Amino acid sequence: MTYENRYDVSTWPVGDPLEDIGEVLNSIIADVHQRQSASTPPYGGKPGAVIYIPPGDYRLRTQVLIDISFLRIEGSGHGFTSSSIRFNVPEDQWEGLHELWPGGSRILVDIPRERGDDTAGAAFRVERSGDPRISSVEFVDFCLDGLHFQEDESDLPAENTYSNGKTGILVASPNDSFRISGMGFVYLENALTIYKADALSVQDNFIAECGSCIELKGWGQASKINDNFIGAGFKGESIYAENHGGLLIAGNNVFPRGSSSVHLHGVTRSSVTGNRLHSFYPGMLRLSGNSSENLIATNHFLRDLEPWTPFHGINNGLDDDYGLINIDGSDNSVVTNHLSLNIDGRDVTPSGSAPVVIRLRNGVGNFVSNNHVVATHVDSSQSDSCFEGQVDSLLSKGPSGGLEVVTVSIEASSERNTVLDSGRETEILADRSVNALRITPEVGG
């Protein structure tokens, strides 16, 4: 018995994986093509292959093109570590750090940036025309490191711009049963962009310090994003999906500072449940484009202040009356969520207004029930240490007072909604003649 369908980049005779693993991977895929040009006897299959990447640093200068099904590329460790913290440590202190760069089976994405071509900067590009659609491609247990961000039109230091034109994995054509698991993505402008996905699984990855993290575009169905650590930059979104049905987003821990934690556009009959969502901006969860019949349940929302000095003053451009949850759609259920709002009341925008927690902007028949809002005013402070600043902020329990908020705001363009036990009398703005309301009971009331 031979194992001709298992490859190791470190022993493949074509190319040098340390200098350009892209050339090596493309050569292996070409070999699989050549050997599996016809169905194999006795059972008629084209089994695909496994390509193994041992722990080590591998520079990628050539884009990898995948156009075969049943291909699994696997390493031995996602290797994520914070590049942002390192780049914001004075360089004369680098010598004392235990590690400088991400590790594990690490691919250094070093593709030249080409403006005007959104696909050229992808380390891995999956694309195939014709039938059937490409299936069962797996990326497992290795790290994609974009190395550096670049200067842009802002005044930010280059390493804080989240811009470099690099994408980790781009799936450009219809696909079925793909799996992204155990991966690390860091310092990429777009970590994972997938068009037209069916039964996609994005599970147990560490995707952070990227411009955008997970983008599901075009259309799709029956996919899941679960149990990931995720955190986009202020320009991008942590989880974005458009025109999907049956999407499950569950059990993720979403860090700041993405412009949104979850943004669903034209998404129907999907679920966002059991996630921990943390943000420095309003608009944490957005349902836009008439997203309808979705379940938003048992999530923990935390909006607080940016504690780290290099990003102080940066925001996503939304005012606090936009809502932590903003809904354009019908027949959605927003139930049993916990929402913590810990901000400096003096910084609320527009000045003098009350922040909105749940805002129903358009649509009919939404059901909002048993959501618990805790709003406190805290004095803003920043730290030069990202890690310590964020931990101090999370553990702080010394607010200087309560914060006046609107827990639910229903605009005139949204009606026939039901709101139960999600705010006191003074905290809900709604036309009772076209919406059903039950106010949260008060002590002694």
Protein backbone atom coordinates (compact mmCIF):
# COMPACT_ATOMS: atom_id res chain seq x y z
CA MET A 1 0.00 0.00 0.00
CA THR A 2 1.43 3.40 -0.98
CA TYR A 3 0.24 6.80 0.13
CA GLU A 4 0.67 8.67 -3.12
CA ASN A 5 -2.15 11.08 -2.29
CA ARG A 6 -0.38 12.54 0.72
CA TYR A 7 2.30 15.20 0.12
CA ASP A 8 4.73 17.09 2.32
CA VAL A 9 5.91 20.51 1.10
CA SER A 10 9.29 19.96 2.79
CA THR A 11 10.05 16.87 0.69
CA TRP A 12 8.47 17.79 -2.64
CA PRO A 13 11.19 18.02 -5.33
CA VAL A 14 9.92 21.15 -7.09
CA GLY A 15 10.73 24.57 -5.62
CA ASP A 16 11.91 25.71 -2.20
CA PRO A 17 9.02 25.98 0.28
CA LEU A 18 10.97 28.34 2.52
CA GLU A 19 11.41 30.84 -0.31
CA ASP A 20 8.09 30.38 -2.15
CA ILE A 21 5.64 27.84 -0.84
CA GLY A 22 3.17 29.05 -3.47
CA GLU A 23 5.28 27.55 -6.24
CA VAL A 24 5.51 24.26 -4.33
CA LEU A 25 1.78 24.03 -3.63
CA ASN A 26 0.86 24.82 -7.24
CA SER A 27 3.28 22.13 -8.40
CA ILE A 28 1.69 19.57 -6.08
CA ILE A 29 -1.82 20.49 -7.24
CA ALA A 30 -0.66 20.09 -10.86
CA ASP A 31 0.59 16.61 -9.95
CA VAL A 32 -2.76 15.69 -8.44
CA HIS A 33 -4.41 16.93 -11.65
CA GLN A 34 -2.11 14.81 -13.79
CA ARG A 35 -2.51 11.64 -11.73
CA GLN A 36 -6.26 11.99 -11.29
CA SER A 37 -7.20 13.10 -14.79
CA ALA A 38 -9.66 10.21 -14.98
CA SER A 39 -11.63 8.30 -12.37
CA THR A 40 -9.51 5.67 -10.69
CA PRO A 41 -10.33 1.96 -10.60
CA PRO A 42 -11.86 0.02 -9.02
CA TYR A 43 -14.40 2.41 -7.49
CA GLY A 44 -14.32 5.31 -9.94
CA GLY A 45 -13.32 8.12 -7.58
CA LYS A 46 -10.98 11.07 -7.73
CA PRO A 47 -9.87 11.07 -4.10
CA GLY A 48 -7.97 14.37 -4.09
CA ALA A 49 -5.05 14.75 -1.72
CA VAL A 50 -3.66 15.93 1.59
CA ILE A 51 -0.80 18.45 1.59
CA TYR A 52 1.08 18.76 4.84
CA ILE A 53 2.95 21.88 5.98
CA PRO A 54 5.30 21.13 8.91
CA PRO A 55 5.91 23.80 11.58
CA GLY A 56 8.16 26.51 10.19
CA ASP A 57 8.20 29.83 8.34
CA TYR A 58 7.33 29.65 4.64
CA ARG A 59 7.34 32.73 2.45
CA LEU A 60 4.61 32.85 -0.20
CA ARG A 61 5.44 34.93 -3.27
CA THR A 62 3.16 33.14 -5.79
CA GLN A 63 -0.61 32.93 -5.43
CA VAL A 64 -1.91 29.38 -4.93
CA LEU A 65 -4.74 28.47 -7.32
CA ILE A 66 -6.98 25.61 -6.22
CA ASP A 67 -9.34 24.12 -8.82
CA ILE A 68 -9.73 20.52 -7.59
CA SER A 69 -12.14 19.08 -5.07
CA PHE A 70 -11.25 16.95 -2.07
CA LEU A 71 -8.05 18.82 -1.31
CA ARG A 72 -6.95 19.25 2.29
CA ILE A 73 -4.07 21.56 3.16
CA GLU A 74 -3.03 21.08 6.77
CA GLY A 75 -0.35 22.21 9.14
CA SER A 76 0.54 21.71 12.78
CA GLY A 77 -0.56 24.87 14.59
CA HIS A 78 -2.37 28.18 13.89
CA GLY A 79 0.51 30.07 15.49
CA PHE A 80 -1.44 33.27 16.18
CA THR A 81 0.16 35.94 18.29
CA SER A 82 -0.60 39.65 18.38
CA SER A 83 1.39 41.59 15.83
CA SER A 84 -0.43 44.78 16.81
CA ILE A 85 0.91 44.67 20.36
CA ARG A 86 4.44 44.04 19.09
CA PHE A 87 4.32 46.84 16.53
CA ASN A 88 3.17 49.25 19.23
CA VAL A 89 5.98 48.28 21.58
CA PRO A 90 9.07 50.49 21.16
CA GLU A 91 11.46 48.66 18.85
CA ASP A 92 14.32 48.92 21.34
CA GLN A 93 12.31 46.59 23.59
CA TRP A 94 11.86 43.88 20.95
CA GLU A 95 15.07 42.17 21.94
CA GLY A 96 13.57 41.28 25.30
CA LEU A 97 10.44 39.66 23.85
CA HIS A 98 10.22 35.89 23.87
CA GLU A 99 8.78 35.83 20.36
CA LEU A 100 8.51 38.50 17.72
CA TRP A 101 6.31 36.90 15.07
CA PRO A 102 3.48 34.38 14.73
CA GLY A 103 4.53 30.74 14.71
CA GLY A 104 3.23 27.22 14.08
CA SER A 105 2.99 26.27 10.41
CA ARG A 106 3.26 29.88 9.29
CA ILE A 107 2.93 31.20 5.75
CA LEU A 108 4.32 34.70 5.25
CA VAL A 109 2.08 36.31 2.63
CA ASP A 110 4.48 38.33 0.51
CA ILE A 111 2.52 38.88 -2.70
CA PRO A 112 3.11 42.28 -4.31
CA ARG A 113 0.17 44.63 -3.91
CA GLU A 114 -1.61 45.33 -7.20
CA ARG A 115 -4.15 48.12 -7.11
CA GLY A 116 -7.33 47.62 -9.10
CA ASP A 117 -7.28 43.81 -8.88
CA ASP A 118 -9.05 42.55 -5.78
CA THR A 119 -8.11 38.92 -6.49
CA ALA A 120 -4.38 39.32 -7.07
CA GLY A 121 -3.56 39.87 -3.40
CA ALA A 122 -5.06 36.57 -2.23
CA ALA A 123 -2.61 34.00 -0.89
CA PHE A 124 -5.04 31.18 -1.74
CA ARG A 125 -7.54 31.61 -4.57
CA VAL A 126 -10.13 28.88 -5.11
CA GLU A 127 -11.94 29.10 -8.41
CA ARG A 128 -13.38 26.67 -10.92
CA SER A 129 -15.97 27.02 -13.67
CA GLY A 130 -18.33 24.33 -14.97
CA ASP A 131 -20.14 21.57 -13.13
CA PRO A 132 -20.16 20.32 -10.55
CA ARG A 133 -19.15 23.15 -8.28
CA ILE A 134 -15.92 22.62 -6.41
CA SER A 135 -16.39 20.67 -3.17
CA SER A 136 -14.76 19.62 0.06
CA VAL A 137 -11.66 21.79 0.11
CA GLU A 138 -10.22 22.08 3.62
CA PHE A 139 -7.77 24.52 5.20
CA VAL A 140 -6.67 23.22 8.57
CA ASP A 141 -4.22 24.17 11.30
CA PHE A 142 -1.81 26.67 9.76
CA CYS A 143 -1.18 30.40 9.95
CA LEU A 144 -1.54 33.07 7.28
CA ASP A 145 0.46 36.16 8.27
CA GLY A 146 0.23 39.34 6.15
CA LEU A 147 3.38 40.64 7.92
CA HIS A 148 2.79 44.41 7.74
CA PHE A 149 0.13 46.99 7.10
CA GLN A 150 0.94 49.96 4.91
CA GLU A 151 0.48 53.70 4.97
CA ASP A 152 -2.83 54.98 3.68
CA GLU A 153 -4.56 58.34 3.43
CA SER A 154 -4.87 58.62 7.23
CA ASP A 155 -2.35 59.97 9.70
CA LEU A 156 -2.09 56.64 11.49
CA PRO A 157 1.20 54.79 11.73
CA ALA A 158 1.39 52.28 8.88
CA GLU A 159 1.06 49.26 11.15
CA ASN A 160 -2.28 50.54 12.52
CA THR A 161 -4.05 51.17 9.17
CA TYR A 162 -5.33 47.62 8.54
CA SER A 163 -4.51 48.20 4.85
CA ASN A 164 -2.15 46.14 2.69
CA GLY A 165 -4.28 44.72 -0.14
CA LYS A 166 -3.73 41.13 1.04
CA THR A 167 -6.37 38.43 1.42
CA GLY A 168 -5.77 35.12 3.15
CA ILE A 169 -8.25 32.86 1.38
CA LEU A 170 -10.52 33.93 -1.49
CA VAL A 171 -13.13 31.49 -2.77
CA ALA A 172 -14.40 33.10 -5.95
CA SER A 173 -16.79 30.52 -7.46
CA PRO A 174 -19.76 28.48 -6.18
CA ASN A 175 -18.63 25.89 -3.64
CA ASP A 176 -19.95 23.15 -1.42
CA SER A 177 -18.93 21.71 1.93
CA PHE A 178 -15.73 23.69 2.45
CA ARG A 179 -14.09 23.63 5.86
CA ILE A 180 -11.87 26.27 7.46
CA SER A 181 -10.73 24.98 10.83
CA GLY A 182 -7.98 25.59 13.34
CA MET A 183 -6.44 28.36 11.24
CA GLY A 184 -4.70 31.58 12.29
CA PHE A 185 -5.11 34.78 10.28
CA VAL A 186 -3.24 37.95 11.21
CA TYR A 187 -2.39 41.29 9.56
CA LEU A 188 -4.35 40.71 6.37
CA GLU A 189 -6.65 43.37 4.93
CA ASN A 190 -9.22 40.61 4.29
CA ALA A 191 -8.77 37.33 6.08
CA LEU A 192 -11.45 35.15 4.55
CA THR A 193 -13.70 36.08 1.61
CA ILE A 194 -16.04 33.42 0.25
CA TYR A 195 -18.59 33.80 -2.52
CA LYS A 196 -21.62 31.57 -3.06
CA ALA A 197 -21.07 29.11 -0.22
CA ASP A 198 -23.20 26.07 0.49
CA ALA A 199 -22.71 24.10 3.71
CA LEU A 200 -19.54 25.98 4.61
CA SER A 201 -17.98 25.42 8.03
CA VAL A 202 -15.76 28.10 9.64
CA GLN A 203 -14.93 26.66 13.01
CA ASP A 204 -12.38 27.04 15.79
CA ASN A 205 -10.16 29.60 14.06
CA PHE A 206 -8.25 32.61 15.41
CA ILE A 207 -8.94 35.49 13.00
CA ALA A 208 -7.84 38.82 14.39
CA GLU A 209 -5.94 42.02 13.65
CA CYS A 210 -7.22 41.84 10.08
CA GLY A 211 -9.08 44.61 8.23
CA SER A 212 -12.10 42.33 7.77
CA CYS A 213 -12.33 38.81 9.16
CA ILE A 214 -15.13 36.69 7.63
CA GLU A 215 -17.03 37.89 4.56
CA LEU A 216 -19.66 35.67 2.93
CA LYS A 217 -20.65 37.34 -0.33
CA GLY A 218 -22.92 36.79 -3.29
CA TRP A 219 -25.37 34.33 -1.81
CA GLY A 220 -25.31 31.12 0.19
CA GLN A 221 -27.12 28.69 2.42
CA ALA A 222 -26.86 26.29 5.32
CA SER A 223 -23.43 27.41 6.52
CA LYS A 224 -22.05 27.90 10.00
CA ILE A 225 -19.56 30.16 11.72
CA ASN A 226 -18.95 28.85 15.20
CA ASP A 227 -16.50 28.75 18.07
CA ASN A 228 -14.04 31.23 16.57
CA PHE A 229 -12.00 34.05 18.08
CA ILE A 230 -12.57 37.04 15.77
CA GLY A 231 -11.63 40.71 15.76
CA ALA A 232 -11.57 43.06 12.76
CA GLY A 233 -10.12 46.54 12.36
CA PHE A 234 -12.16 49.72 12.52
CA LYS A 235 -12.55 49.88 8.72
CA GLY A 236 -13.93 46.38 8.29
CA GLU A 237 -16.38 43.94 9.77
CA SER A 238 -15.77 40.92 11.94
CA ILE A 239 -18.58 38.77 10.47
CA TYR A 240 -20.43 39.88 7.34
CA ALA A 241 -22.88 37.84 5.27
CA GLU A 242 -25.17 38.82 2.43
CA ASN A 243 -28.11 37.01 0.85
CA HIS A 244 -27.72 33.90 2.94
CA GLY A 245 -30.38 31.59 4.31
CA GLY A 246 -30.01 29.12 7.13
CA LEU A 247 -26.77 30.64 8.41
CA LEU A 248 -25.75 29.70 11.95
CA ILE A 249 -23.48 32.07 13.88
CA ALA A 250 -22.91 30.62 17.34
CA GLY A 251 -20.44 30.44 20.16
CA ASN A 252 -17.98 32.99 18.79
CA ASN A 253 -15.94 35.40 20.89
CA VAL A 254 -15.79 38.61 18.84
CA PHE A 255 -13.27 41.22 19.98
CA PRO A 256 -13.23 44.96 19.28
CA ARG A 257 -12.52 47.02 16.99
CA GLY A 258 -14.44 46.08 13.91
CA SER A 259 -16.96 48.59 12.60
CA SER A 260 -19.54 45.91 13.41
CA SER A 261 -19.41 42.57 15.20
CA VAL A 262 -22.03 40.91 13.00
CA HIS A 263 -23.59 42.46 9.88
CA LEU A 264 -26.22 40.51 7.95
CA HIS A 265 -27.55 41.99 4.69
CA GLY A 266 -30.51 40.39 2.99
CA VAL A 267 -30.14 37.36 5.27
CA THR A 268 -33.19 35.29 6.19
CA ARG A 269 -34.12 32.47 8.55
CA SER A 270 -30.74 32.43 10.22
CA SER A 271 -29.53 32.41 13.82
CA VAL A 272 -27.10 34.50 15.88
CA THR A 273 -27.01 32.76 19.24
CA GLY A 274 -24.76 32.31 22.22
CA ASN A 275 -22.02 34.67 21.07
CA ARG A 276 -19.97 37.05 23.18
CA LEU A 277 -19.73 40.34 21.23
CA HIS A 278 -17.47 43.20 22.36
CA SER A 279 -17.16 46.54 20.57
CA PHE A 280 -16.05 50.13 21.00
CA TYR A 281 -18.71 51.50 18.65
CA PRO A 282 -22.50 51.53 18.06
CA GLY A 283 -23.85 49.23 15.33
CA MET A 284 -22.54 46.04 16.87
CA LEU A 285 -25.23 43.89 15.24
CA ARG A 286 -26.80 45.12 12.03
CA LEU A 287 -29.61 43.54 10.08
CA SER A 288 -29.93 45.43 6.79
CA GLY A 289 -31.47 44.91 3.36
CA ASN A 290 -34.76 43.55 4.76
CA SER A 291 -33.12 40.73 6.72
CA SER A 292 -36.06 38.77 8.08
CA GLU A 293 -37.15 35.86 10.25
CA ASN A 294 -33.81 35.71 12.03
CA LEU A 295 -33.25 34.62 15.63
CA ILE A 296 -31.00 36.83 17.77
CA ALA A 297 -30.87 35.13 21.15
CA THR A 298 -28.81 34.64 24.29
CA ASN A 299 -25.88 36.76 23.16
CA HIS A 300 -23.78 38.92 25.48
CA PHE A 301 -23.18 42.39 24.04
CA LEU A 302 -20.57 44.68 25.58
CA ARG A 303 -19.95 48.15 24.28
CA ASP A 304 -17.32 50.10 26.14
CA LEU A 305 -14.50 52.57 25.56
CA GLU A 306 -11.36 52.24 23.49
CA PRO A 307 -8.74 51.87 26.24
CA TRP A 308 -5.62 51.93 24.07
CA THR A 309 -3.98 55.26 23.32
CA PRO A 310 -2.94 54.61 19.66
CA PHE A 311 -6.60 54.18 18.64
CA HIS A 312 -8.18 56.82 20.84
CA GLY A 313 -10.51 59.06 18.81
CA ILE A 314 -11.09 56.50 16.04
CA ASN A 315 -14.65 55.29 15.48
CA ASN A 316 -16.91 53.80 12.83
CA GLY A 317 -18.72 57.07 12.06
CA LEU A 318 -22.03 56.08 13.70
CA ASP A 319 -23.77 58.11 16.38
CA ASP A 320 -25.00 56.52 19.57
CA ASP A 321 -28.64 56.83 18.51
CA TYR A 322 -27.94 54.25 15.77
CA GLY A 323 -28.35 51.49 18.33
CA LEU A 324 -26.14 48.62 19.42
CA ILE A 325 -28.62 46.47 17.49
CA ASN A 326 -30.08 48.06 14.35
CA ILE A 327 -32.77 46.21 12.40
CA ASP A 328 -34.05 46.75 8.89
CA GLY A 329 -36.28 43.73 8.34
CA SER A 330 -39.39 41.89 9.43
CA ASP A 331 -40.40 39.09 11.76
CA ASN A 332 -37.06 38.86 13.52
CA SER A 333 -36.83 37.65 17.12
CA VAL A 334 -34.50 39.49 19.53
CA VAL A 335 -34.84 37.62 22.78
CA THR A 336 -33.03 37.05 26.06
CA ASN A 337 -29.87 38.93 25.24
CA HIS A 338 -27.73 40.69 27.85
CA LEU A 339 -26.49 44.12 26.75
CA SER A 340 -23.87 46.05 28.73
CA LEU A 341 -23.20 49.67 27.77
CA ASN A 342 -20.29 51.17 29.70
CA ILE A 343 -19.31 54.51 28.20
CA ASP A 344 -18.53 58.07 29.20
CA GLY A 345 -21.84 59.94 29.00
CA ARG A 346 -19.96 63.10 28.03
CA ASP A 347 -18.85 61.48 24.78
CA VAL A 348 -22.30 60.42 23.59
CA THR A 349 -23.22 61.62 20.11
CA PRO A 350 -25.29 63.58 19.18
CA SER A 351 -24.40 65.59 22.26
CA GLY A 352 -27.10 65.54 24.90
CA SER A 353 -28.92 62.54 23.43
CA ALA A 354 -29.50 59.16 25.06
CA PRO A 355 -27.79 56.14 23.46
CA VAL A 356 -30.14 53.67 21.81
CA VAL A 357 -29.68 49.97 22.53
CA ILE A 358 -32.15 48.23 20.16
CA ARG A 359 -33.45 50.21 17.19
CA LEU A 360 -36.13 48.92 14.82
CA ARG A 361 -35.64 50.99 11.71
CA ASN A 362 -37.81 49.34 9.05
CA GLY A 363 -40.08 46.32 8.70
CA VAL A 364 -43.00 44.75 10.53
CA GLY A 365 -43.68 42.04 13.04
CA ASN A 366 -40.39 41.96 14.94
CA PHE A 367 -40.48 40.35 18.40
CA VAL A 368 -38.29 41.86 21.12
CA SER A 369 -38.53 40.18 24.49
CA ASN A 370 -36.72 39.79 27.81
CA ASN A 371 -33.56 41.64 26.92
CA HIS A 372 -31.60 42.93 29.91
CA VAL A 373 -29.81 46.25 29.49
CA VAL A 374 -27.19 47.47 31.98
CA ALA A 375 -26.02 51.01 31.18
CA THR A 376 -23.38 52.81 33.21
CA HIS A 377 -21.39 55.98 32.91
CA VAL A 378 -17.63 55.49 33.28
CA ASP A 379 -14.80 57.97 33.17
CA SER A 380 -12.76 57.50 30.01
CA SER A 381 -9.10 56.62 30.36
CA GLN A 382 -6.56 55.11 28.04
CA SER A 383 -3.52 52.97 28.41
CA ASP A 384 -0.32 52.64 26.44
CA SER A 385 -0.51 48.89 26.99
CA CYS A 386 -3.15 47.25 24.79
CA PHE A 387 -3.48 44.03 26.76
CA GLU A 388 -3.46 45.63 30.18
CA GLY A 389 -5.76 48.43 29.05
CA GLN A 390 -8.38 46.05 27.71
CA VAL A 391 -8.25 43.74 30.71
CA ASP A 392 -8.49 46.69 33.12
CA SER A 393 -11.50 47.95 31.19
CA LEU A 394 -13.20 44.56 31.20
CA LEU A 395 -12.72 44.04 34.92
CA SER A 396 -13.61 47.56 35.96
CA LYS A 397 -16.66 47.65 38.21
CA GLY A 398 -16.47 51.15 39.59
CA PRO A 399 -18.87 53.20 37.45
CA SER A 400 -19.59 56.69 38.64
CA GLY A 401 -23.30 56.39 37.91
CA GLY A 402 -26.08 55.12 35.76
CA LEU A 403 -26.48 56.20 32.17
CA GLU A 404 -29.76 57.28 30.67
CA VAL A 405 -30.54 55.15 27.61
CA VAL A 406 -33.32 54.26 25.22
CA THR A 407 -33.51 50.48 25.40
CA VAL A 408 -35.88 50.11 22.42
CA SER A 409 -36.61 52.69 19.74
CA ILE A 410 -39.16 51.91 17.01
CA GLU A 411 -39.27 54.28 14.09
CA ALA A 412 -42.45 55.21 12.21
CA SER A 413 -41.34 53.06 9.26
CA SER A 414 -41.47 49.96 11.47
CA GLU A 415 -44.77 48.78 12.95
CA ARG A 416 -46.80 45.84 14.24
CA ASN A 417 -43.84 44.90 16.44
CA THR A 418 -44.09 43.31 19.88
CA VAL A 419 -41.85 44.47 22.72
CA LEU A 420 -42.01 42.65 26.05
CA ASP A 421 -40.02 43.28 29.23
CA SER A 422 -37.12 45.03 27.54
CA GLY A 423 -37.19 48.45 29.21
CA ARG A 424 -38.93 50.74 31.62
CA GLU A 425 -41.66 53.19 30.61
CA THR A 426 -39.20 56.02 30.03
CA GLU A 427 -36.75 53.85 28.10
CA ILE A 428 -38.93 52.81 25.16
CA LEU A 429 -39.80 55.06 22.22
CA ALA A 430 -42.62 53.59 20.17
CA ASP A 431 -46.05 54.42 18.79
CA ARG A 432 -48.36 52.27 20.89
CA SER A 433 -51.16 52.56 18.36
CA VAL A 434 -49.23 50.39 15.88
CA ASN A 435 -46.95 48.35 18.19
CA ALA A 436 -47.64 46.07 21.17
CA LEU A 437 -45.67 46.93 24.33
CA ARG A 438 -45.29 45.44 27.79
CA ILE A 439 -43.06 47.45 30.09
CA THR A 440 -40.54 45.77 32.41
CA PRO A 441 -41.98 45.82 35.94
CA GLU A 442 -40.22 48.14 38.41
CA VAL A 443 -39.58 47.62 42.10
CA GLY A 444 -42.62 48.90 44.01
CA GLY A 445 -44.47 49.49 40.74
